[in-house]
Amino acid sequence: MNDRTKVILRPAASSDAAAITITICASLNAFDWMPLLHTPEEDLFFIRDILLPTQQVTVADAGGRIVGFIAIGGEWVEQLYLDPARTGQGIGSRLLAQATAGMPLVKLHCFQANTGARRFYERHGFRAEAFGDGSANEEGLPDILYVLRR
């Protein structure tokens, strides 16, 4: 059975906020190095009241279940999260390709500790342009500015 054919990419709707929140919480909880700074209720508020109204959000829908999403703001990938059980299936690649199609410049931040995400972005042509010490992000974790120029 090919999971790729069962996943549909579509624009997020306001009714997806709770499902997107579940995905982001599951993803963050999968990292033992990630400090958990927000409650699920705070994450839901952020998704529903800030992210969805202000950014281009695309979800990966597998039979009515949100298994990933990407949020684009200007030339930035602001968020890209997958259900941890669905990584390695091409869903993140599809989200990234569709959401950034036609963008000559794409930027994002990635935590240095997130080695899987670093490999993913580098496979997709992103190059590390700056390394931060964590003082500029809420989590206080060292990060990397990745840039893709087309």
Protein backbone atom coordinates (compact mmCIF):
# COMPACT_ATOMS: atom_id res chain seq x y z
CA MET A 1 0.00 0.00 0.00
CA ASN A 2 1.39 3.39 -1.01
CA ASP A 3 0.81 6.00 1.72
CA ARG A 4 1.88 8.80 -0.63
CA THR A 5 -1.23 8.42 -2.78
CA LYS A 6 -3.47 8.56 0.28
CA VAL A 7 -2.16 11.95 1.46
CA ILE A 8 -3.76 15.04 -0.03
CA LEU A 9 -2.22 18.50 0.29
CA ARG A 10 -4.76 21.27 0.68
CA PRO A 11 -5.05 24.78 2.09
CA ALA A 12 -5.72 24.78 5.81
CA ALA A 13 -9.14 25.79 7.04
CA SER A 14 -9.92 27.38 10.39
CA SER A 15 -11.60 24.10 11.34
CA ASP A 16 -8.14 22.41 11.08
CA ALA A 17 -6.70 24.36 14.03
CA ALA A 18 -7.20 21.62 16.64
CA ALA A 19 -5.78 18.90 14.38
CA ILE A 20 -2.77 21.07 13.49
CA THR A 21 -2.20 21.62 17.22
CA ILE A 22 -2.22 17.86 17.83
CA THR A 23 0.38 17.43 15.08
CA ILE A 24 2.67 20.15 16.41
CA CYS A 25 2.45 18.82 19.99
CA ALA A 26 3.20 15.24 18.88
CA SER A 27 6.17 16.44 16.85
CA LEU A 28 7.64 18.55 19.64
CA ASN A 29 7.11 15.80 22.22
CA ALA A 30 9.20 13.45 20.07
CA PHE A 31 12.37 15.46 20.81
CA ASP A 32 13.93 14.89 24.21
CA TRP A 33 16.05 18.03 23.77
CA MET A 34 13.07 20.33 23.09
CA PRO A 35 11.84 22.34 26.06
CA LEU A 36 8.05 22.40 26.20
CA LEU A 37 7.19 26.05 26.71
CA HIS A 38 3.49 26.10 25.92
CA THR A 39 0.40 24.18 26.90
CA PRO A 40 -1.69 22.58 24.15
CA GLU A 41 -4.26 25.33 24.78
CA GLU A 42 -1.63 28.02 24.13
CA ASP A 43 -0.55 26.18 20.99
CA LEU A 44 -4.18 26.05 19.81
CA PHE A 45 -4.55 29.80 20.38
CA PHE A 46 -1.37 30.42 18.37
CA ILE A 47 -2.51 28.21 15.48
CA ARG A 48 -6.13 29.42 15.40
CA ASP A 49 -5.69 33.12 16.14
CA ILE A 50 -2.22 33.97 14.81
CA LEU A 51 -0.88 31.41 12.33
CA LEU A 52 -3.95 30.57 10.25
CA PRO A 53 -5.12 34.19 9.76
CA THR A 54 -1.69 35.59 8.85
CA GLN A 55 0.19 32.90 6.93
CA GLN A 56 -0.24 30.58 3.96
CA VAL A 57 -0.82 27.22 5.64
CA THR A 58 -1.02 23.92 3.76
CA VAL A 59 -1.96 20.67 5.47
CA ALA A 60 -1.26 17.07 4.58
CA ASP A 61 -4.57 15.26 4.98
CA ALA A 62 -4.57 11.46 5.19
CA GLY A 63 -8.15 10.30 5.07
CA GLY A 64 -9.43 13.27 7.07
CA ARG A 65 -6.54 13.23 9.57
CA ILE A 66 -3.94 16.02 9.51
CA VAL A 67 -0.49 14.35 9.45
CA GLY A 68 1.59 17.43 8.67
CA PHE A 69 1.54 21.10 7.77
CA ILE A 70 3.67 23.93 6.51
CA ALA A 71 3.22 27.66 7.10
CA ILE A 72 4.75 30.28 4.81
CA GLY A 73 5.08 33.95 5.66
CA GLY A 74 6.70 36.03 2.92
CA GLU A 75 9.97 34.33 2.01
CA TRP A 76 10.05 32.33 5.27
CA VAL A 77 9.05 28.78 6.09
CA GLU A 78 7.70 29.63 9.52
CA GLN A 79 6.56 26.13 10.49
CA LEU A 80 6.92 22.63 9.06
CA TYR A 81 5.76 19.77 11.26
CA LEU A 82 4.86 16.15 10.64
CA ASP A 83 3.26 13.49 12.77
CA PRO A 84 6.36 11.58 13.98
CA ALA A 85 4.83 8.32 12.72
CA ARG A 86 4.68 9.76 9.18
CA THR A 87 8.25 10.97 8.72
CA GLY A 88 10.29 9.42 5.93
CA GLN A 89 7.26 8.98 3.64
CA GLY A 90 7.81 11.99 1.37
CA ILE A 91 5.08 14.09 2.98
CA GLY A 92 7.46 16.81 4.18
CA SER A 93 9.09 16.95 0.74
CA ARG A 94 5.71 17.36 -0.92
CA LEU A 95 4.64 20.09 1.52
CA LEU A 96 7.92 21.97 1.07
CA ALA A 97 7.90 21.70 -2.74
CA GLN A 98 4.29 22.79 -3.15
CA ALA A 99 4.36 25.61 -0.61
CA THR A 100 7.59 27.16 -1.91
CA ALA A 101 7.03 26.63 -5.65
CA GLY A 102 7.86 29.82 -7.49
CA MET A 103 9.69 31.39 -4.56
CA PRO A 104 13.17 32.52 -5.69
CA LEU A 105 14.36 32.85 -2.09
CA VAL A 106 13.29 30.67 0.83
CA LYS A 107 14.55 31.10 4.41
CA LEU A 108 13.97 29.16 7.60
CA HIS A 109 15.41 28.54 11.03
CA CYS A 110 16.17 25.05 12.30
CA PHE A 111 17.49 24.00 15.69
CA GLN A 112 21.05 22.70 15.55
CA ALA A 113 19.99 19.67 17.63
CA ASN A 114 17.39 18.66 15.03
CA THR A 115 19.73 16.54 12.92
CA GLY A 116 16.92 14.89 10.96
CA ALA A 117 15.48 18.24 9.89
CA ARG A 118 18.95 19.51 9.03
CA ARG A 119 19.54 16.54 6.71
CA PHE A 120 16.07 17.06 5.20
CA TYR A 121 16.64 20.74 4.40
CA GLU A 122 20.15 20.18 3.08
CA ARG A 123 18.85 17.39 0.78
CA HIS A 124 16.40 19.96 -0.58
CA GLY A 125 19.14 22.44 -1.45
CA PHE A 126 19.11 24.69 1.62
CA ARG A 127 22.49 26.01 2.77
CA ALA A 128 23.42 27.05 6.28
CA GLU A 129 24.17 30.77 6.26
CA ALA A 130 24.33 31.64 9.95
CA PHE A 131 24.53 29.87 13.28
CA GLY A 132 22.82 31.32 16.34
CA ASP A 133 23.52 30.70 20.02
CA GLY A 134 19.84 30.51 21.02
CA SER A 135 19.61 34.05 22.35
CA ALA A 136 17.23 35.04 19.51
CA ASN A 137 14.64 32.29 19.95
CA GLU A 138 12.10 31.53 22.63
CA GLU A 139 13.47 28.05 23.34
CA GLY A 140 17.00 29.33 23.98
CA LEU A 141 18.43 26.63 21.70
CA PRO A 142 21.25 27.10 19.19
CA ASP A 143 19.81 27.40 15.69
CA ILE A 144 20.75 27.69 12.04
CA LEU A 145 19.53 30.07 9.38
CA TYR A 146 19.01 28.05 6.20
CA VAL A 147 18.56 29.71 2.82
CA LEU A 148 17.53 28.32 -0.55
CA ARG A 149 18.22 30.47 -3.62
CA ARG A 150 16.75 29.36 -6.93
